[in-house]
Amino acid sequence: MKIKPLGDRVLVKLESGEEKTAGGIFIPQTAQEKTQTGVVVEIGDDETIKVKAGDKVMYDKYAGTQIKVDGEEHLLLRFSDILAVIG
């Protein structure tokens, strides 16, 4: 499925959290901290967007709408909710 964000929206693929600690203890999905980083997949058509597909970004913890695309978790959020590009 192809999703093209409109306006100042950005589609970000979420990074999965660690499932196992360094000591080998498995962490259940319900106890894992929600990740706040991801990779930009698509951007809207607004000229003020300063990120591009492939950029790893950090975003506001409660921002956006979570959706599944081809079975993988993504977040559709406004460009203003992106806090930083991680390089």
PDB file of N, CA and C in Angstrom:
ATOM      1  N   MET A   1       0.852  -1.177   0.000  1.00  0.00           N
ATOM      2  CA  MET A   1       0.000   0.000   0.000  1.00  0.00           C
ATOM      3  C   MET A   1       0.894   1.235   0.000  1.00  0.00           C
ATOM      4  N   LYS A   2       0.560   2.208  -0.806  1.00  0.00           N
ATOM      5  CA  LYS A   2       1.336   3.444  -0.930  1.00  0.00           C
ATOM      6  C   LYS A   2       0.549   4.577  -0.276  1.00  0.00           C
ATOM      7  N   ILE A   3       1.190   5.313   0.631  1.00  0.00           N
ATOM      8  CA  ILE A   3       0.560   6.462   1.284  1.00  0.00           C
ATOM      9  C   ILE A   3       1.386   7.696   0.972  1.00  0.00           C
ATOM     10  N   LYS A   4       0.741   8.739   0.460  1.00  0.00           N
ATOM     11  CA  LYS A   4       1.401  10.005   0.158  1.00  0.00           C
ATOM     12  C   LYS A   4       0.839  11.072   1.090  1.00  0.00           C
ATOM     13  N   PRO A   5       1.627  11.547   2.052  1.00  0.00           N
ATOM     14  CA  PRO A   5       1.156  12.603   2.958  1.00  0.00           C
ATOM     15  C   PRO A   5       0.839  13.887   2.191  1.00  0.00           C
ATOM     16  N   LEU A   6      -0.085  14.659   2.712  1.00  0.00           N
ATOM     17  CA  LEU A   6      -0.466  15.926   2.103  1.00  0.00           C
ATOM     18  C   LEU A   6       0.021  17.091   2.965  1.00  0.00           C
ATOM     19  N   GLY A   7       0.238  18.235   2.338  1.00  0.00           N
ATOM     20  CA  GLY A   7       0.621  19.448   3.064  1.00  0.00           C
ATOM     21  C   GLY A   7       1.910  19.283   3.835  1.00  0.00           C
ATOM     22  N   ASP A   8       1.875  19.633   5.127  1.00  0.00           N
ATOM     23  CA  ASP A   8       3.080  19.593   5.960  1.00  0.00           C
ATOM     24  C   ASP A   8       3.219  18.285   6.731  1.00  0.00           C
ATOM     25  N   ARG A   9       2.600  17.221   6.245  1.00  0.00           N
ATOM     26  CA  ARG A   9       2.644  15.927   6.930  1.00  0.00           C
ATOM     27  C   ARG A   9       3.841  15.098   6.455  1.00  0.00           C
ATOM     28  N   VAL A  10       4.324  14.232   7.349  1.00  0.00           N
ATOM     29  CA  VAL A  10       5.465  13.364   7.070  1.00  0.00           C
ATOM     30  C   VAL A  10       5.102  11.955   7.528  1.00  0.00           C
ATOM     31  N   LEU A  11       5.415  10.948   6.716  1.00  0.00           N
ATOM     32  CA  LEU A  11       5.195   9.555   7.076  1.00  0.00           C
ATOM     33  C   LEU A  11       6.518   8.973   7.564  1.00  0.00           C
ATOM     34  N   VAL A  12       6.518   8.474   8.806  1.00  0.00           N
ATOM     35  CA  VAL A  12       7.733   7.972   9.443  1.00  0.00           C
ATOM     36  C   VAL A  12       7.533   6.505   9.816  1.00  0.00           C
ATOM     37  N   LYS A  13       8.502   5.665   9.455  1.00  0.00           N
ATOM     38  CA  LYS A  13       8.476   4.259   9.860  1.00  0.00           C
ATOM     39  C   LYS A  13       9.091   4.176  11.249  1.00  0.00           C
ATOM     40  N   LEU A  14       8.339   3.612  12.200  1.00  0.00           N
ATOM     41  CA  LEU A  14       8.805   3.529  13.576  1.00  0.00           C
ATOM     42  C   LEU A  14       9.898   2.487  13.721  1.00  0.00           C
ATOM     43  N   GLU A  15      10.851   2.784  14.600  1.00  0.00           N
ATOM     44  CA  GLU A  15      11.883   1.809  14.924  1.00  0.00           C
ATOM     45  C   GLU A  15      11.366   0.939  16.049  1.00  0.00           C
ATOM     46  N   SER A  16      11.638  -0.337  15.976  1.00  0.00           N
ATOM     47  CA  SER A  16      11.178  -1.236  17.035  1.00  0.00           C
ATOM     48  C   SER A  16      12.093  -1.105  18.236  1.00  0.00           C
ATOM     49  N   GLY A  17      11.493  -1.204  19.425  1.00  0.00           N
ATOM     50  CA  GLY A  17      12.257  -1.119  20.662  1.00  0.00           C
ATOM     51  C   GLY A  17      13.025  -2.404  20.923  1.00  0.00           C
ATOM     52  N   GLU A  18      13.981  -2.344  21.821  1.00  0.00           N
ATOM     53  CA  GLU A  18      14.749  -3.519  22.196  1.00  0.00           C
ATOM     54  C   GLU A  18      13.825  -4.518  22.881  1.00  0.00           C
ATOM     55  N   GLU A  19      13.914  -5.778  22.487  1.00  0.00           N
ATOM     56  CA  GLU A  19      13.094  -6.814  23.084  1.00  0.00           C
ATOM     57  C   GLU A  19      13.839  -7.580  24.163  1.00  0.00           C
ATOM     58  N   LYS A  20      15.162  -7.382  24.234  1.00  0.00           N
ATOM     59  CA  LYS A  20      15.958  -8.118  25.201  1.00  0.00           C
ATOM     60  C   LYS A  20      17.018  -7.184  25.778  1.00  0.00           C
ATOM     61  N   THR A  21      17.227  -7.268  27.085  1.00  0.00           N
ATOM     62  CA  THR A  21      18.244  -6.438  27.732  1.00  0.00           C
ATOM     63  C   THR A  21      19.628  -7.021  27.468  1.00  0.00           C
ATOM     64  N   ALA A  22      20.660  -6.261  27.817  1.00  0.00           N
ATOM     65  CA  ALA A  22      22.033  -6.728  27.643  1.00  0.00           C
ATOM     66  C   ALA A  22      22.290  -7.997  28.459  1.00  0.00           C
ATOM     67  N   GLY A  23      21.579  -8.161  29.567  1.00  0.00           N
ATOM     68  CA  GLY A  23      21.730  -9.341  30.412  1.00  0.00           C
ATOM     69  C   GLY A  23      20.938 -10.541  29.932  1.00  0.00           C
ATOM     70  N   GLY A  24      20.153 -10.383  28.852  1.00  0.00           N
ATOM     71  CA  GLY A  24      19.415 -11.497  28.283  1.00  0.00           C
ATOM     72  C   GLY A  24      17.972 -11.613  28.729  1.00  0.00           C
ATOM     73  N   ILE A  25      17.462 -10.630  29.479  1.00  0.00           N
ATOM     74  CA  ILE A  25      16.078 -10.659  29.943  1.00  0.00           C
ATOM     75  C   ILE A  25      15.170 -10.111  28.843  1.00  0.00           C
ATOM     76  N   PHE A  26      14.121 -10.877  28.497  1.00  0.00           N
ATOM     77  CA  PHE A  26      13.173 -10.425  27.482  1.00  0.00           C
ATOM     78  C   PHE A  26      12.167  -9.456  28.090  1.00  0.00           C
ATOM     79  N   ILE A  27      11.889  -8.367  27.349  1.00  0.00           N
ATOM     80  CA  ILE A  27      10.942  -7.347  27.803  1.00  0.00           C
ATOM     81  C   ILE A  27       9.661  -7.497  26.993  1.00  0.00           C
ATOM     82  N   PRO A  28       8.507  -7.719  27.653  1.00  0.00           N
ATOM     83  CA  PRO A  28       7.259  -7.852  26.894  1.00  0.00           C
ATOM     84  C   PRO A  28       6.894  -6.538  26.197  1.00  0.00           C
ATOM     85  N   GLN A  29       6.168  -6.648  25.086  1.00  0.00           N
ATOM     86  CA  GLN A  29       5.775  -5.489  24.280  1.00  0.00           C
ATOM     87  C   GLN A  29       5.073  -4.429  25.125  1.00  0.00           C
ATOM     88  N   THR A  30       4.238  -4.844  26.073  1.00  0.00           N
ATOM     89  CA  THR A  30       3.468  -3.895  26.881  1.00  0.00           C
ATOM     90  C   THR A  30       4.343  -3.094  27.844  1.00  0.00           C
ATOM     91  N   ALA A  31       5.528  -3.596  28.166  1.00  0.00           N
ATOM     92  CA  ALA A  31       6.406  -2.909  29.116  1.00  0.00           C
ATOM     93  C   ALA A  31       7.472  -2.071  28.428  1.00  0.00           C
ATOM     94  N   GLN A  32       7.564  -2.153  27.108  1.00  0.00           N
ATOM     95  CA  GLN A  32       8.594  -1.410  26.392  1.00  0.00           C
ATOM     96  C   GLN A  32       8.222   0.067  26.280  1.00  0.00           C
ATOM     97  N   GLU A  33       9.219   0.909  26.387  1.00  0.00           N
ATOM     98  CA  GLU A  33       9.039   2.350  26.217  1.00  0.00           C
ATOM     99  C   GLU A  33       8.739   2.639  24.747  1.00  0.00           C
ATOM    100  N   LYS A  34       7.772   3.496  24.494  1.00  0.00           N
ATOM    101  CA  LYS A  34       7.427   3.859  23.122  1.00  0.00           C
ATOM    102  C   LYS A  34       8.610   4.575  22.481  1.00  0.00           C
ATOM    103  N   THR A  35       9.030   4.085  21.335  1.00  0.00           N
ATOM    104  CA  THR A  35      10.160   4.701  20.637  1.00  0.00           C
ATOM    105  C   THR A  35       9.780   6.089  20.132  1.00  0.00           C
ATOM    106  N   GLN A  36      10.738   6.975  20.091  1.00  0.00           N
ATOM    107  CA  GLN A  36      10.489   8.333  19.613  1.00  0.00           C
ATOM    108  C   GLN A  36      11.392   8.670  18.438  1.00  0.00           C
ATOM    109  N   THR A  37      11.885   7.648  17.764  1.00  0.00           N
ATOM    110  CA  THR A  37      12.692   7.849  16.571  1.00  0.00           C
ATOM    111  C   THR A  37      12.156   6.968  15.454  1.00  0.00           C
ATOM    112  N   GLY A  38      12.437   7.383  14.248  1.00  0.00           N
ATOM    113  CA  GLY A  38      12.012   6.614  13.085  1.00  0.00           C
ATOM    114  C   GLY A  38      12.692   7.141  11.837  1.00  0.00           C
ATOM    115  N   VAL A  39      12.361   6.529  10.716  1.00  0.00           N
ATOM    116  CA  VAL A  39      12.949   6.901   9.435  1.00  0.00           C
ATOM    117  C   VAL A  39      11.855   7.464   8.537  1.00  0.00           C
ATOM    118  N   VAL A  40      12.131   8.621   7.933  1.00  0.00           N
ATOM    119  CA  VAL A  40      11.174   9.268   7.032  1.00  0.00           C
ATOM    120  C   VAL A  40      11.004   8.403   5.782  1.00  0.00           C
ATOM    121  N   VAL A  41       9.739   8.092   5.456  1.00  0.00           N
ATOM    122  CA  VAL A  41       9.431   7.284   4.282  1.00  0.00           C
ATOM    123  C   VAL A  41       8.934   8.179   3.149  1.00  0.00           C
ATOM    124  N   GLU A  42       8.013   9.078   3.464  1.00  0.00           N
ATOM    125  CA  GLU A  42       7.412   9.990   2.476  1.00  0.00           C
ATOM    126  C   GLU A  42       7.197  11.347   3.123  1.00  0.00           C
ATOM    127  N   ILE A  43       7.225  12.404   2.308  1.00  0.00           N
ATOM    128  CA  ILE A  43       6.933  13.747   2.804  1.00  0.00           C
ATOM    129  C   ILE A  43       5.799  14.350   1.985  1.00  0.00           C
ATOM    130  N   GLY A  44       5.107  15.315   2.600  1.00  0.00           N
ATOM    131  CA  GLY A  44       4.033  16.020   1.907  1.00  0.00           C
ATOM    132  C   GLY A  44       4.579  16.996   0.887  1.00  0.00           C
ATOM    133  N   ASP A  45       3.684  17.778   0.293  1.00  0.00           N
ATOM    134  CA  ASP A  45       4.072  18.688  -0.782  1.00  0.00           C
ATOM    135  C   ASP A  45       4.337  20.117  -0.312  1.00  0.00           C
ATOM    136  N   ASP A  46       4.380  20.338   0.993  1.00  0.00           N
ATOM    137  CA  ASP A  46       4.657  21.667   1.540  1.00  0.00           C
ATOM    138  C   ASP A  46       6.149  21.981   1.388  1.00  0.00           C
ATOM    139  N   GLU A  47       6.474  23.149   0.873  1.00  0.00           N
ATOM    140  CA  GLU A  47       7.875  23.514   0.615  1.00  0.00           C
ATOM    141  C   GLU A  47       8.667  23.812   1.884  1.00  0.00           C
ATOM    142  N   THR A  48       7.998  23.949   3.031  1.00  0.00           N
ATOM    143  CA  THR A  48       8.705  24.261   4.275  1.00  0.00           C
ATOM    144  C   THR A  48       9.284  23.018   4.952  1.00  0.00           C
ATOM    145  N   ILE A  49       8.992  21.833   4.441  1.00  0.00           N
ATOM    146  CA  ILE A  49       9.501  20.594   5.037  1.00  0.00           C
ATOM    147  C   ILE A  49      11.000  20.495   4.772  1.00  0.00           C
ATOM    148  N   LYS A  50      11.764  20.325   5.848  1.00  0.00           N
ATOM    149  CA  LYS A  50      13.222  20.326   5.750  1.00  0.00           C
ATOM    150  C   LYS A  50      13.850  18.946   5.890  1.00  0.00           C
ATOM    151  N   VAL A  51      13.061  17.881   5.830  1.00  0.00           N
ATOM    152  CA  VAL A  51      13.595  16.524   5.885  1.00  0.00           C
ATOM    153  C   VAL A  51      13.317  15.838   4.557  1.00  0.00           C
ATOM    154  N   LYS A  52      14.001  14.723   4.327  1.00  0.00           N
ATOM    155  CA  LYS A  52      13.793  13.971   3.091  1.00  0.00           C
ATOM    156  C   LYS A  52      13.677  12.487   3.423  1.00  0.00           C
ATOM    157  N   ALA A  53      13.187  11.712   2.484  1.00  0.00           N
ATOM    158  CA  ALA A  53      13.062  10.269   2.686  1.00  0.00           C
ATOM    159  C   ALA A  53      14.427   9.685   3.027  1.00  0.00           C
ATOM    160  N   GLY A  54      14.455   8.825   4.031  1.00  0.00           N
ATOM    161  CA  GLY A  54      15.700   8.206   4.467  1.00  0.00           C
ATOM    162  C   GLY A  54      16.315   8.840   5.695  1.00  0.00           C
ATOM    163  N   ASP A  55      15.885  10.070   6.041  1.00  0.00           N
ATOM    164  CA  ASP A  55      16.408  10.740   7.240  1.00  0.00           C
ATOM    165  C   ASP A  55      15.890  10.048   8.497  1.00  0.00           C
ATOM    166  N   LYS A  56      16.785   9.841   9.480  1.00  0.00           N
ATOM    167  CA  LYS A  56      16.374   9.326  10.786  1.00  0.00           C
ATOM    168  C   LYS A  56      16.020  10.535  11.639  1.00  0.00           C
ATOM    169  N   VAL A  57      14.820  10.530  12.220  1.00  0.00           N
ATOM    170  CA  VAL A  57      14.335  11.702  12.959  1.00  0.00           C
ATOM    171  C   VAL A  57      13.868  11.325  14.359  1.00  0.00           C
ATOM    172  N   MET A  58      13.870  12.328  15.233  1.00  0.00           N
ATOM    173  CA  MET A  58      13.292  12.224  16.569  1.00  0.00           C
ATOM    174  C   MET A  58      12.049  13.102  16.550  1.00  0.00           C
ATOM    175  N   TYR A  59      10.950  12.596  17.129  1.00  0.00           N
ATOM    176  CA  TYR A  59       9.695  13.338  17.093  1.00  0.00           C
ATOM    177  C   TYR A  59       9.090  13.424  18.483  1.00  0.00           C
ATOM    178  N   ASP A  60       8.127  14.323  18.637  1.00  0.00           N
ATOM    179  CA  ASP A  60       7.431  14.520  19.904  1.00  0.00           C
ATOM    180  C   ASP A  60       6.718  13.240  20.319  1.00  0.00           C
ATOM    181  N   LYS A  61       6.776  12.898  21.591  1.00  0.00           N
ATOM    182  CA  LYS A  61       6.284  11.618  22.113  1.00  0.00           C
ATOM    183  C   LYS A  61       4.809  11.353  21.804  1.00  0.00           C
ATOM    184  N   TYR A  62       3.969  12.361  21.860  1.00  0.00           N
ATOM    185  CA  TYR A  62       2.526  12.156  21.690  1.00  0.00           C
ATOM    186  C   TYR A  62       2.013  12.662  20.344  1.00  0.00           C
ATOM    187  N   ALA A  63       2.882  12.813  19.372  1.00  0.00           N
ATOM    188  CA  ALA A  63       2.508  13.390  18.088  1.00  0.00           C
ATOM    189  C   ALA A  63       1.978  12.342  17.114  1.00  0.00           C
ATOM    190  N   GLY A  64       1.188  12.807  16.171  1.00  0.00           N
ATOM    191  CA  GLY A  64       0.815  12.014  15.021  1.00  0.00           C
ATOM    192  C   GLY A  64      -0.246  10.960  15.226  1.00  0.00           C
ATOM    193  N   THR A  65      -0.496  10.247  14.134  1.00  0.00           N
ATOM    194  CA  THR A  65      -1.467   9.166  14.084  1.00  0.00           C
ATOM    195  C   THR A  65      -0.738   7.897  13.682  1.00  0.00           C
ATOM    196  N   GLN A  66      -0.838   6.872  14.529  1.00  0.00           N
ATOM    197  CA  GLN A  66      -0.147   5.621  14.242  1.00  0.00           C
ATOM    198  C   GLN A  66      -0.980   4.793  13.275  1.00  0.00           C
ATOM    199  N   ILE A  67      -0.331   4.275  12.211  1.00  0.00           N
ATOM    200  CA  ILE A  67      -1.003   3.448  11.211  1.00  0.00           C
ATOM    201  C   ILE A  67      -0.101   2.273  10.847  1.00  0.00           C
ATOM    202  N   LYS A  68      -0.714   1.227  10.270  1.00  0.00           N
ATOM    203  CA  LYS A  68       0.054   0.091   9.773  1.00  0.00           C
ATOM    204  C   LYS A  68       0.087   0.173   8.258  1.00  0.00           C
ATOM    205  N   VAL A  69       1.284   0.046   7.697  1.00  0.00           N
ATOM    206  CA  VAL A  69       1.462   0.018   6.251  1.00  0.00           C
ATOM    207  C   VAL A  69       2.204  -1.274   5.934  1.00  0.00           C
ATOM    208  N   ASP A  70       1.581  -2.153   5.177  1.00  0.00           N
ATOM    209  CA  ASP A  70       2.164  -3.454   4.838  1.00  0.00           C
ATOM    210  C   ASP A  70       2.626  -4.210   6.078  1.00  0.00           C
ATOM    211  N   GLY A  71       1.847  -4.137   7.158  1.00  0.00           N
ATOM    212  CA  GLY A  71       2.133  -4.874   8.374  1.00  0.00           C
ATOM    213  C   GLY A  71       3.160  -4.243   9.290  1.00  0.00           C
ATOM    214  N   GLU A  72       3.694  -3.071   8.936  1.00  0.00           N
ATOM    215  CA  GLU A  72       4.699  -2.399   9.756  1.00  0.00           C
ATOM    216  C   GLU A  72       4.128  -1.099  10.323  1.00  0.00           C
ATOM    217  N   GLU A  73       4.529  -0.773  11.557  1.00  0.00           N
ATOM    218  CA  GLU A  73       4.041   0.427  12.232  1.00  0.00           C
ATOM    219  C   GLU A  73       4.668   1.686  11.640  1.00  0.00           C
ATOM    220  N   HIS A  74       3.824   2.662  11.334  1.00  0.00           N
ATOM    221  CA  HIS A  74       4.248   3.974  10.827  1.00  0.00           C
ATOM    222  C   HIS A  74       3.518   5.050  11.620  1.00  0.00           C
ATOM    223  N   LEU A  75       4.007   6.259  11.495  1.00  0.00           N
ATOM    224  CA  LEU A  75       3.391   7.404  12.145  1.00  0.00           C
ATOM    225  C   LEU A  75       3.227   8.507  11.108  1.00  0.00           C
ATOM    226  N   LEU A  76       2.030   9.048  11.009  1.00  0.00           N
ATOM    227  CA  LEU A  76       1.754  10.176  10.124  1.00  0.00           C
ATOM    228  C   LEU A  76       1.685  11.408  11.011  1.00  0.00           C
ATOM    229  N   LEU A  77       2.668  12.309  10.856  1.00  0.00           N
ATOM    230  CA  LEU A  77       2.726  13.476  11.743  1.00  0.00           C
ATOM    231  C   LEU A  77       3.026  14.749  10.983  1.00  0.00           C
ATOM    232  N   ARG A  78       2.813  15.865  11.651  1.00  0.00           N
ATOM    233  CA  ARG A  78       3.123  17.175  11.066  1.00  0.00           C
ATOM    234  C   ARG A  78       4.622  17.412  11.142  1.00  0.00           C
ATOM    235  N   PHE A  79       5.144  18.143  10.170  1.00  0.00           N
ATOM    236  CA  PHE A  79       6.575  18.446  10.167  1.00  0.00           C
ATOM    237  C   PHE A  79       6.995  19.150  11.456  1.00  0.00           C
ATOM    238  N   SER A  80       6.124  19.999  12.003  1.00  0.00           N
ATOM    239  CA  SER A  80       6.456  20.746  13.225  1.00  0.00           C
ATOM    240  C   SER A  80       6.625  19.845  14.438  1.00  0.00           C
ATOM    241  N   ASP A  81       6.145  18.587  14.380  1.00  0.00           N
ATOM    242  CA  ASP A  81       6.314  17.645  15.482  1.00  0.00           C
ATOM    243  C   ASP A  81       7.662  16.936  15.443  1.00  0.00           C
ATOM    244  N   ILE A  82       8.426  17.119  14.354  1.00  0.00           N
ATOM    245  CA  ILE A  82       9.770  16.548  14.274  1.00  0.00           C
ATOM    246  C   ILE A  82      10.714  17.471  15.040  1.00  0.00           C
ATOM    247  N   LEU A  83      11.429  16.884  16.013  1.00  0.00           N
ATOM    248  CA  LEU A  83      12.293  17.676  16.877  1.00  0.00           C
ATOM    249  C   LEU A  83      13.716  17.780  16.350  1.00  0.00           C
ATOM    250  N   ALA A  84      14.208  16.727  15.690  1.00  0.00           N
ATOM    251  CA  ALA A  84      15.612  16.736  15.247  1.00  0.00           C
ATOM    252  C   ALA A  84      15.828  15.674  14.183  1.00  0.00           C
ATOM    253  N   VAL A  85      16.850  15.894  13.371  1.00  0.00           N
ATOM    254  CA  VAL A  85      17.348  14.878  12.448  1.00  0.00           C
ATOM    255  C   VAL A  85      18.554  14.257  13.107  1.00  0.00           C
ATOM    256  N   ILE A  86      18.581  12.929  13.169  1.00  0.00           N
ATOM    257  CA  ILE A  86      19.684  12.219  13.816  1.00  0.00           C
ATOM    258  C   ILE A  86      20.659  11.801  12.731  1.00  0.00           C
ATOM    259  N   GLY A  87      21.904  12.227  12.871  1.00  0.00           N
ATOM    260  CA  GLY A  87      22.864  11.948  11.809  1.00  0.00           C
ATOM    261  C   GLY A  87      23.993  11.183  12.306  1.00  0.00           C
TER     262      GLY A  87
END
